[in-house]
C-alpha atoms as a PDB file:
ATOM      1  CA  MET A   1      15.983  11.080   5.672  1.00  0.00           C
ATOM      2  CA  LYS A   2      16.131   7.897   7.749  1.00  0.00           C
ATOM      3  CA  LEU A   3      14.264   6.824  10.863  1.00  0.00           C
ATOM      4  CA  LYS A   4      16.456   5.889  13.816  1.00  0.00           C
ATOM      5  CA  PRO A   5      14.385   4.474  16.685  1.00  0.00           C
ATOM      6  CA  LEU A   6      15.455   5.166  20.253  1.00  0.00           C
ATOM      7  CA  ALA A   7      15.644   2.754  23.202  1.00  0.00           C
ATOM      8  CA  ASP A   8      13.337  -0.259  22.756  1.00  0.00           C
ATOM      9  CA  ARG A   9      11.432   1.102  19.741  1.00  0.00           C
ATOM     10  CA  VAL A  10      11.017  -0.806  16.458  1.00  0.00           C
ATOM     11  CA  VAL A  11      10.056   0.626  13.039  1.00  0.00           C
ATOM     12  CA  LEU A  12       7.685  -1.627  11.086  1.00  0.00           C
ATOM     13  CA  LYS A  13       6.215  -1.548   7.582  1.00  0.00           C
ATOM     14  CA  GLN A  14       2.893  -3.226   6.894  1.00  0.00           C
ATOM     15  CA  ILE A  15       2.968  -6.024   4.342  1.00  0.00           C
ATOM     16  CA  GLU A  16       0.603  -5.535   1.388  1.00  0.00           C
ATOM     17  CA  ALA A  17      -2.642  -7.523   1.234  1.00  0.00           C
ATOM     18  CA  GLU A  18      -2.833 -10.502  -1.096  1.00  0.00           C
ATOM     19  CA  GLU A  19      -4.237  -9.916  -4.587  1.00  0.00           C
ATOM     20  CA  LYS A  20      -5.714 -13.452  -4.773  1.00  0.00           C
ATOM     21  CA  THR A  21      -7.390 -15.822  -2.362  1.00  0.00           C
ATOM     22  CA  GLN A  22      -6.023 -19.343  -1.859  1.00  0.00           C
ATOM     23  CA  GLY A  23      -8.725 -20.564  -4.258  1.00  0.00           C
ATOM     24  CA  GLY A  24      -7.432 -18.227  -6.990  1.00  0.00           C
ATOM     25  CA  ILE A  25     -10.138 -15.545  -6.816  1.00  0.00           C
ATOM     26  CA  ILE A  26      -8.755 -12.075  -7.605  1.00  0.00           C
ATOM     27  CA  LEU A  27      -9.768  -9.486  -5.002  1.00  0.00           C
ATOM     28  CA  THR A  28     -10.651  -5.859  -5.610  1.00  0.00           C
ATOM     29  CA  SER A  29      -9.133  -3.241  -3.323  1.00  0.00           C
ATOM     30  CA  ALA A  30     -12.399  -3.100  -1.338  1.00  0.00           C
ATOM     31  CA  GLY A  31     -12.298  -6.864  -0.708  1.00  0.00           C
ATOM     32  CA  LYS A  32      -8.753  -6.955   0.586  1.00  0.00           C
ATOM     33  CA  GLU A  33      -8.277  -7.249   4.325  1.00  0.00           C
ATOM     34  CA  LYS A  34      -5.409  -5.335   5.850  1.00  0.00           C
ATOM     35  CA  PRO A  35      -3.036  -7.939   7.231  1.00  0.00           C
ATOM     36  CA  GLU A  36      -1.706  -7.546  10.733  1.00  0.00           C
ATOM     37  CA  ILE A  37       1.680  -8.804   9.592  1.00  0.00           C
ATOM     38  CA  TYR A  38       4.526  -6.303   9.464  1.00  0.00           C
ATOM     39  CA  GLU A  39       8.158  -6.397   8.384  1.00  0.00           C
ATOM     40  CA  VAL A  40      10.778  -5.091  10.794  1.00  0.00           C
ATOM     41  CA  VAL A  41      12.624  -2.220   9.076  1.00  0.00           C
ATOM     42  CA  VAL A  42      14.975  -1.000  11.811  1.00  0.00           C
ATOM     43  CA  VAL A  43      15.441  -1.719  15.526  1.00  0.00           C
ATOM     44  CA  GLY A  44      16.536   0.603  18.329  1.00  0.00           C
ATOM     45  CA  PRO A  45      19.605  -0.106  20.482  1.00  0.00           C
ATOM     46  CA  GLY A  46      17.733  -1.313  23.578  1.00  0.00           C
ATOM     47  CA  GLY A  47      19.436  -0.510  26.863  1.00  0.00           C
ATOM     48  CA  LEU A  48      17.943   0.843  30.057  1.00  0.00           C
ATOM     49  CA  VAL A  49      14.183   1.444  29.720  1.00  0.00           C
ATOM     50  CA  ASP A  50      12.110   2.392  32.783  1.00  0.00           C
ATOM     51  CA  GLY A  51      14.921   1.163  35.046  1.00  0.00           C
ATOM     52  CA  GLU A  52      15.176  -2.280  33.430  1.00  0.00           C
ATOM     53  CA  GLU A  53      17.707  -3.596  30.925  1.00  0.00           C
ATOM     54  CA  VAL A  54      16.041  -4.370  27.567  1.00  0.00           C
ATOM     55  CA  LYS A  55      17.784  -6.657  25.080  1.00  0.00           C
ATOM     56  CA  MET A  56      16.540  -6.256  21.510  1.00  0.00           C
ATOM     57  CA  GLU A  57      15.512  -9.628  20.090  1.00  0.00           C
ATOM     58  CA  LEU A  58      13.975  -8.461  16.816  1.00  0.00           C
ATOM     59  CA  VAL A  59      16.134  -7.971  13.729  1.00  0.00           C
ATOM     60  CA  PRO A  60      15.462  -6.167  10.432  1.00  0.00           C
ATOM     61  CA  GLY A  61      13.752  -8.367   7.854  1.00  0.00           C
ATOM     62  CA  GLN A  62      11.712 -10.427  10.339  1.00  0.00           C
ATOM     63  CA  ARG A  63       7.957 -10.644   9.895  1.00  0.00           C
ATOM     64  CA  VAL A  64       5.934 -10.002  13.024  1.00  0.00           C
ATOM     65  CA  ILE A  65       2.318  -9.833  14.178  1.00  0.00           C
ATOM     66  CA  MET A  66       1.118  -6.777  16.026  1.00  0.00           C
ATOM     67  CA  GLY A  67      -2.218  -5.692  17.477  1.00  0.00           C
ATOM     68  CA  LYS A  68      -4.558  -3.639  15.250  1.00  0.00           C
ATOM     69  CA  TYR A  69      -4.481  -0.416  17.249  1.00  0.00           C
ATOM     70  CA  THR A  70      -0.885  -0.467  18.465  1.00  0.00           C
ATOM     71  CA  GLY A  71       1.855   2.019  17.662  1.00  0.00           C
ATOM     72  CA  THR A  72       2.268   5.377  16.002  1.00  0.00           C
ATOM     73  CA  ASN A  73       1.919   5.737  12.233  1.00  0.00           C
ATOM     74  CA  VAL A  74       4.435   7.982  10.466  1.00  0.00           C
ATOM     75  CA  LYS A  75       4.561   8.976   6.785  1.00  0.00           C
ATOM     76  CA  LEU A  76       8.047   9.571   5.460  1.00  0.00           C
ATOM     77  CA  GLU A  77       8.982  10.038   1.808  1.00  0.00           C
ATOM     78  CA  GLY A  78       5.731   8.475   0.571  1.00  0.00           C
ATOM     79  CA  GLU A  79       5.961   5.383   2.806  1.00  0.00           C
ATOM     80  CA  THR A  80       3.924   4.683   5.939  1.00  0.00           C
ATOM     81  CA  TYR A  81       5.738   3.189   8.926  1.00  0.00           C
ATOM     82  CA  THR A  82       4.544   2.149  12.370  1.00  0.00           C
ATOM     83  CA  ILE A  83       6.716   2.719  15.434  1.00  0.00           C
ATOM     84  CA  VAL A  84       6.129   0.447  18.450  1.00  0.00           C
ATOM     85  CA  ARG A  85       7.942  -0.787  21.530  1.00  0.00           C
ATOM     86  CA  GLN A  86       9.441  -4.254  21.177  1.00  0.00           C
ATOM     87  CA  SER A  87       7.052  -5.466  23.912  1.00  0.00           C
ATOM     88  CA  ASP A  88       4.066  -4.473  21.697  1.00  0.00           C
ATOM     89  CA  VAL A  89       4.989  -7.140  19.128  1.00  0.00           C
ATOM     90  CA  LEU A  90       2.855 -10.232  19.734  1.00  0.00           C
ATOM     91  CA  ALA A  91       4.712 -12.873  17.697  1.00  0.00           C
ATOM     92  CA  VAL A  92       7.351 -13.530  15.052  1.00  0.00           C
ATOM     93  CA  VAL A  93       6.160 -15.239  11.846  1.00  0.00           C
ATOM     94  CA  GLU A  94       8.563 -17.993  10.782  1.00  0.00           C
END
């Protein structure tokens, strides 16, 4: 089964936390912070949303930053995805 977002929705997958700090210290699972960086998995077609034309600027594979409590979490085939509107994405990580 595949997710196909509608309108201006974007499906994101959270990037795993780092195993080591920059200084080389290995972290336990309790010490890892959940990053707020996500990878774009699939993007909706855009179009007319609330009476305004929305052009989709995100593309699959991009890394983005999103707010902590934004979106809807969905579990599908053992993976957790977050579905948000394109306008909920705060920034693209380059």
